[in-house]
Protein backbone atom coordinates (compact mmCIF):
# COMPACT_ATOMS: atom_id res chain seq x y z
CA MET A 1 -23.40 71.17 -25.06
CA ASN A 2 -21.79 71.67 -21.74
CA GLN A 3 -20.49 69.09 -19.36
CA LEU A 4 -23.42 69.35 -17.06
CA ASP A 5 -26.14 68.33 -19.80
CA ALA A 6 -23.65 65.80 -21.45
CA LEU A 7 -23.54 64.16 -18.38
CA LYS A 8 -27.35 63.86 -17.59
CA GLN A 9 -27.43 61.83 -20.96
CA TYR A 10 -25.78 58.69 -18.82
CA THR A 11 -26.64 59.76 -15.43
CA THR A 12 -29.30 61.36 -13.04
CA VAL A 13 -27.75 64.22 -11.60
CA VAL A 14 -29.32 65.33 -7.99
CA ALA A 15 -28.16 68.64 -6.12
CA ASP A 16 -26.88 68.34 -2.51
CA THR A 17 -27.34 71.32 -1.26
CA GLY A 18 -29.73 73.00 1.88
CA ASP A 19 -29.42 75.87 -0.17
CA PHE A 20 -32.89 75.52 -2.26
CA ARG A 21 -32.93 78.81 -4.02
CA GLN A 22 -30.01 77.48 -6.54
CA LEU A 23 -31.63 74.19 -7.52
CA SER A 24 -33.30 76.00 -10.96
CA ALA A 25 -30.21 77.44 -12.03
CA TYR A 26 -29.17 73.37 -12.80
CA GLN A 27 -32.36 71.55 -13.38
CA PRO A 28 -31.71 68.20 -11.15
CA GLN A 29 -34.02 65.56 -10.88
CA ASP A 30 -33.47 64.79 -7.25
CA ALA A 31 -31.83 67.16 -4.32
CA THR A 32 -30.17 65.40 -0.77
CA THR A 33 -29.70 67.47 2.06
CA ASN A 34 -27.90 66.55 5.65
CA PRO A 35 -28.01 68.02 8.86
CA SER A 36 -24.48 69.76 7.69
CA LEU A 37 -26.16 71.95 5.19
CA ILE A 38 -29.45 72.09 6.49
CA LEU A 39 -27.16 74.37 9.70
CA LYS A 40 -25.28 76.08 7.08
CA ALA A 41 -28.28 76.90 5.14
CA VAL A 42 -30.11 78.25 8.29
CA GLN A 43 -26.97 80.92 9.16
CA LYS A 44 -27.35 82.16 6.00
CA ASP A 45 -30.23 85.25 6.39
CA GLU A 46 -32.32 84.18 3.02
CA TYR A 47 -33.26 80.98 5.45
CA ALA A 48 -33.25 82.09 8.95
CA SER A 49 -36.95 82.96 8.56
CA LEU A 50 -37.63 79.70 7.84
CA LEU A 51 -35.79 78.48 11.04
CA LYS A 52 -37.42 80.92 13.28
CA GLU A 53 -41.05 80.12 11.58
CA THR A 54 -40.28 76.57 12.04
CA VAL A 55 -39.54 77.03 16.28
CA GLN A 56 -42.19 79.44 16.80
CA ALA A 57 -44.96 77.03 14.86
CA HIS A 58 -44.04 74.09 17.43
CA ARG A 59 -42.55 75.67 20.77
CA GLY A 60 -42.92 73.67 23.34
CA LYS A 61 -42.29 70.31 21.19
CA PRO A 62 -39.21 68.19 22.46
CA VAL A 63 -36.03 69.60 20.48
CA ASP A 64 -35.56 66.34 18.36
CA GLN A 65 -39.22 66.78 16.96
CA ILE A 66 -38.75 70.79 16.12
CA ILE A 67 -35.52 69.89 14.01
CA ASP A 68 -37.50 66.99 12.26
CA HIS A 69 -40.20 69.45 11.02
CA LEU A 70 -37.36 72.29 9.50
CA LEU A 71 -36.38 69.31 7.79
CA VAL A 72 -39.27 68.33 6.36
CA ARG A 73 -39.98 71.89 5.60
CA PHE A 74 -36.74 72.38 3.99
CA GLY A 75 -37.65 68.51 2.04
CA LYS A 76 -41.17 70.43 0.69
CA GLU A 77 -39.50 73.91 -0.27
CA ILE A 78 -37.14 71.43 -2.32
CA LEU A 79 -39.99 69.02 -3.66
CA ALA A 80 -41.33 71.90 -4.93
CA LEU A 81 -38.33 73.00 -6.92
CA ILE A 82 -37.65 69.52 -8.88
CA PRO A 83 -39.03 66.77 -10.36
CA GLY A 84 -37.99 64.08 -8.25
CA ARG A 85 -36.97 62.74 -4.72
CA VAL A 86 -35.62 64.53 -1.51
CA SER A 87 -33.50 62.50 0.91
CA THR A 88 -33.96 63.69 4.74
CA GLU A 89 -31.54 62.18 7.00
CA VAL A 90 -32.35 60.36 10.45
CA ASP A 91 -30.78 61.71 13.05
CA ALA A 92 -27.03 60.30 13.07
CA ARG A 93 -26.57 60.12 16.96
CA LEU A 94 -29.47 57.16 16.29
CA SER A 95 -27.40 55.20 13.65
CA PHE A 96 -26.74 51.89 16.46
CA ASP A 97 -29.64 51.65 17.15
CA THR A 98 -32.20 49.97 14.70
CA GLN A 99 -35.42 50.39 16.56
CA ALA A 100 -35.23 54.49 17.07
CA THR A 101 -34.11 54.79 13.45
CA TYR A 102 -36.87 52.88 12.38
CA GLU A 103 -39.12 54.97 15.01
CA ARG A 104 -37.70 58.12 13.74
CA ALA A 105 -37.95 57.23 9.99
CA HIS A 106 -41.66 56.89 10.50
CA ARG A 107 -42.12 59.98 12.51
CA LEU A 108 -40.59 62.03 9.49
CA ILE A 109 -42.83 60.24 6.73
CA ASP A 110 -45.62 60.98 9.07
CA LEU A 111 -44.68 65.00 8.98
CA TYR A 112 -44.49 65.20 5.03
CA LYS A 113 -47.66 63.10 4.84
CA ALA A 114 -49.03 65.91 7.00
CA GLU A 115 -47.94 68.31 4.37
CA GLY A 116 -49.68 66.72 1.20
CA ILE A 117 -46.49 65.01 0.11
CA ASP A 118 -46.10 61.93 -1.75
CA THR A 119 -43.91 60.06 0.21
CA ARG A 120 -42.56 58.00 -3.08
CA ARG A 121 -40.73 61.36 -3.45
CA VAL A 122 -39.36 60.87 -0.36
CA LEU A 123 -36.21 59.27 0.71
CA ILE A 124 -35.32 58.28 4.43
CA LYS A 125 -31.03 58.82 4.88
CA ILE A 126 -29.86 56.47 7.47
CA ALA A 127 -26.19 55.89 7.99
CA SER A 128 -25.14 52.22 7.15
CA THR A 129 -24.29 50.75 9.98
CA TRP A 130 -25.40 47.04 10.69
CA GLU A 131 -28.14 48.92 12.66
CA GLY A 132 -28.46 51.05 9.94
CA ILE A 133 -29.23 48.71 7.28
CA LYS A 134 -31.15 46.19 9.33
CA ALA A 135 -33.90 49.58 9.96
CA ALA A 136 -33.88 50.53 6.41
CA GLU A 137 -34.07 46.77 5.51
CA LYS A 138 -37.53 46.90 7.85
CA LEU A 139 -38.59 50.26 5.94
CA GLU A 140 -38.01 48.81 2.85
CA GLN A 141 -40.58 46.08 3.27
CA GLU A 142 -43.08 48.88 4.53
CA GLY A 143 -42.46 50.87 1.27
CA ILE A 144 -40.86 53.68 3.05
CA ARG A 145 -38.09 54.12 0.49
CA CYS A 146 -34.17 54.40 2.01
CA ASN A 147 -30.57 55.80 1.25
CA LEU A 148 -28.20 54.70 2.76
CA THR A 149 -25.50 57.05 3.14
CA LEU A 150 -22.22 57.70 4.54
CA LEU A 151 -21.08 54.23 2.64
CA PHE A 152 -17.51 53.71 2.42
CA SER A 153 -16.81 50.09 1.83
CA PHE A 154 -17.86 47.30 -0.61
CA ALA A 155 -19.36 45.37 2.41
CA GLN A 156 -21.47 47.91 3.68
CA ALA A 157 -22.59 47.93 -0.22
CA VAL A 158 -23.64 44.21 -0.80
CA ALA A 159 -25.39 44.33 2.43
CA CYS A 160 -27.44 47.32 1.55
CA GLY A 161 -27.73 45.56 -1.48
CA GLU A 162 -28.93 42.25 0.32
CA ALA A 163 -31.49 44.40 2.16
CA LYS A 164 -33.08 45.37 -1.15
CA VAL A 165 -32.84 49.67 0.15
CA GLN A 166 -33.58 52.08 -2.48
CA LEU A 167 -30.52 53.63 -3.25
CA ILE A 168 -26.91 54.17 -1.63
CA SER A 169 -24.67 57.11 -1.05
CA PRO A 170 -20.87 56.07 -1.57
CA PHE A 171 -18.54 58.60 -0.62
CA VAL A 172 -16.07 59.53 -3.28
CA GLY A 173 -14.67 62.68 -2.15
CA ARG A 174 -14.14 61.41 1.83
CA ILE A 175 -12.51 58.17 0.52
CA TYR A 176 -10.14 60.07 -1.79
CA ASP A 177 -9.55 62.32 1.66
CA TRP A 178 -8.37 59.53 3.35
CA TYR A 179 -5.87 58.19 0.87
CA LYS A 180 -4.85 60.91 0.36
CA LYS A 181 -3.96 62.19 4.26
CA THR A 182 -2.50 58.29 4.38
CA ALA A 183 0.15 58.87 1.80
CA GLY A 184 1.42 62.27 2.69
CA ALA A 185 4.18 63.16 0.73
CA GLN A 186 4.15 59.83 -1.23
CA TRP A 187 0.49 61.10 -2.76
CA ASP A 188 0.37 61.29 -6.92
CA GLU A 189 -2.13 63.38 -7.52
CA ALA A 190 -1.77 63.25 -11.50
CA ALA A 191 -1.30 59.09 -10.99
CA ASN A 192 -4.71 59.01 -8.95
CA ALA A 193 -6.71 61.07 -10.73
CA GLY A 194 -10.06 60.01 -12.71
CA ALA A 195 -10.80 56.67 -13.30
CA ASN A 196 -7.69 55.63 -10.91
CA ASP A 197 -9.12 58.37 -7.87
CA PRO A 198 -9.61 55.22 -5.14
CA GLY A 199 -13.17 56.94 -4.28
CA VAL A 200 -13.77 56.23 -8.55
CA LYS A 201 -12.50 53.08 -7.73
CA SER A 202 -14.69 51.95 -4.82
CA VAL A 203 -17.71 52.96 -6.73
CA ARG A 204 -17.11 51.68 -9.90
CA SER A 205 -16.67 47.92 -7.67
CA ILE A 206 -20.31 48.75 -5.83
CA TYR A 207 -21.62 49.56 -9.58
CA ASN A 208 -20.22 46.32 -11.51
CA HIS A 209 -21.44 44.28 -8.30
CA TYR A 210 -24.74 45.92 -8.32
CA LYS A 211 -25.10 45.19 -12.58
CA HIS A 212 -23.53 42.04 -12.54
CA PHE A 213 -25.85 40.30 -10.03
CA GLY A 214 -28.77 42.24 -10.77
CA VAL A 215 -29.24 43.93 -7.89
CA LYS A 216 -31.89 46.48 -8.02
CA THR A 217 -30.34 49.15 -5.27
CA GLU A 218 -29.60 52.82 -6.87
CA VAL A 219 -25.76 53.57 -6.61
CA MET A 220 -25.38 57.32 -6.50
CA GLY A 221 -21.78 58.76 -5.77
CA ALA A 222 -21.78 61.46 -3.44
CA SER A 223 -19.19 64.08 -1.74
CA PHE A 224 -17.20 65.00 -4.89
CA ARG A 225 -13.78 67.15 -4.23
CA ASN A 226 -13.64 67.76 -8.44
CA VAL A 227 -15.15 67.09 -11.23
CA GLY A 228 -12.87 64.56 -12.35
CA GLN A 229 -14.33 62.50 -9.86
CA ILE A 230 -17.83 63.43 -11.21
CA THR A 231 -16.67 62.45 -15.02
CA ALA A 232 -14.99 59.67 -14.09
CA LEU A 233 -18.29 58.07 -13.25
CA ALA A 234 -20.55 58.92 -16.05
CA GLY A 235 -23.38 56.18 -16.26
CA SER A 236 -23.16 55.93 -12.94
CA ASP A 237 -27.01 56.08 -12.06
CA LEU A 238 -27.21 59.05 -9.85
CA LEU A 239 -24.61 61.25 -8.53
CA THR A 240 -25.14 64.09 -6.06
CA ILE A 241 -23.24 66.82 -6.86
CA SER A 242 -22.76 70.56 -4.72
CA PRO A 243 -23.32 73.76 -6.21
CA ASP A 244 -19.95 75.11 -6.53
CA LEU A 245 -18.95 71.78 -9.01
CA LEU A 246 -22.78 71.98 -10.74
CA ALA A 247 -21.70 75.61 -11.74
CA GLN A 248 -17.54 73.89 -12.80
CA LEU A 249 -19.85 71.80 -15.17
CA ALA A 250 -22.18 73.82 -16.61
CA GLU A 251 -19.07 76.24 -17.34
CA SER A 252 -17.07 73.74 -19.32
CA ASN A 253 -17.33 72.93 -22.81
CA GLU A 254 -14.85 69.22 -22.71
CA PRO A 255 -16.39 66.48 -24.04
CA LEU A 256 -17.52 63.83 -21.82
CA GLN A 257 -18.26 60.08 -21.87
CA GLN A 258 -19.61 57.37 -19.88
CA ALA A 259 -17.47 55.83 -17.91
CA LEU A 260 -20.00 52.99 -16.69
CA ASP A 261 -21.50 50.43 -18.43
CA PRO A 262 -24.45 48.06 -17.18
CA GLN A 263 -23.40 45.73 -20.18
CA GLY A 264 -20.00 45.77 -18.88
CA ALA A 265 -20.62 44.66 -15.72
CA LYS A 266 -22.76 42.00 -16.90
CA ASP A 267 -19.72 40.41 -18.59
CA LEU A 268 -17.59 40.71 -16.39
CA LYS A 269 -16.36 37.70 -14.14
CA LEU A 270 -17.31 38.04 -10.69
CA ASP A 271 -17.92 36.09 -7.43
CA PRO A 272 -20.71 36.11 -5.86
CA VAL A 273 -20.56 37.69 -2.57
CA SER A 274 -23.03 37.98 0.77
CA TYR A 275 -22.66 39.04 4.08
CA ASP A 276 -24.40 37.85 7.44
CA GLU A 277 -23.87 40.31 10.23
CA PRO A 278 -20.36 38.31 11.95
CA ALA A 279 -18.88 38.75 8.41
CA PHE A 280 -20.18 42.62 7.70
CA ARG A 281 -18.71 43.70 11.07
CA TYR A 282 -15.11 41.68 10.30
CA ALA A 283 -14.76 42.87 6.54
CA LEU A 284 -15.60 46.71 7.90
CA ASN A 285 -13.16 46.08 10.46
CA GLU A 286 -10.52 45.08 8.21
CA ASP A 287 -10.90 47.97 6.02
CA ALA A 288 -8.98 51.27 8.09
CA MET A 289 -10.56 53.75 5.70
CA ALA A 290 -13.98 52.72 5.86
CA THR A 291 -14.15 51.66 9.68
CA GLU A 292 -11.99 55.46 10.45
CA LYS A 293 -14.77 57.36 7.80
CA LEU A 294 -17.79 56.13 8.64
CA ALA A 295 -16.91 56.82 12.64
CA GLU A 296 -16.03 59.96 11.83
CA GLY A 297 -18.28 61.22 9.12
CA ILE A 298 -21.69 59.69 12.02
CA ARG A 299 -19.42 62.04 14.51
CA ALA A 300 -19.51 65.04 12.50
CA PHE A 301 -23.35 64.84 11.49
CA ALA A 302 -23.76 64.52 15.11
CA ALA A 303 -21.97 67.32 16.11
CA ASP A 304 -24.01 69.45 14.03
CA ALA A 305 -27.10 68.51 14.59
CA ILE A 306 -25.88 69.76 18.04
CA LYS A 307 -24.97 72.82 16.86
CA LEU A 308 -28.56 73.12 14.86
CA GLU A 309 -30.37 72.33 18.25
CA LYS A 310 -28.37 75.36 19.64
CA LEU A 311 -29.52 77.78 17.72
CA ILE A 312 -33.22 76.52 18.23
CA ALA A 313 -32.78 76.40 21.86
CA ALA A 314 -31.27 80.55 21.43
CA LEU A 315 -34.59 81.56 19.55
């Protein structure tokens, strides 16, 4: 049994890509997209027609509406190839506007409905700002399921759990990147690998908290840099993995064991934690890594949304 098949015994495997033609090779349950992945996909020859067709079909509409139609077009194509759910992201430029995020999520859901898609198969991706979490809380109460992304801190995870969101995506690789860059020449790769990886440790603490206190929110590790980070989180509810790393897992026959265990989490001695808005903002402010990576992630997704708008304007 290769490592990918072994991983699927413990964890729901999700493909992290806009390149949906790669999906059949790895047979993931779910798939996630983001503006950067969609931008990357539409610049490939095999997907350029999707962009042109979408622009032509909706020419004259505001560019933000055309982008949403494009995101849903990709989501529909992905759902035709997987049995589970697809995550579609709200514009990152709305990350600090609860009402605008809420309205954009509804628009995406309405577009999926218009395509005949069962919206239980759609997760709306929203940045894990306080405003995003509050928007997701309201959406969840209405039956719209959300994936809270750009999550780097325990405080963000706890607030998402309290909001009863469907799923969170802690960014393992970007946490690792920050600690490695900050350490500079002092970084010891071997000492910070596997279970000692700072991104892995972050997800493990969130997973243990959720399982210990019966939080129903699903934990989906994301943004991996290497296979070791993935195997160290075997047992997480879900893991969303790029095609390159899926290929490495499929090619490896190294043994893989469950690393995260819900019963083990229940047996831990943990203190309950809760955050209102001031406490959340202070906890996030005290976490330099999370503060910096959240801001950086929002800027990067926003920049790629602007690049996508320019591609559309050029057609």
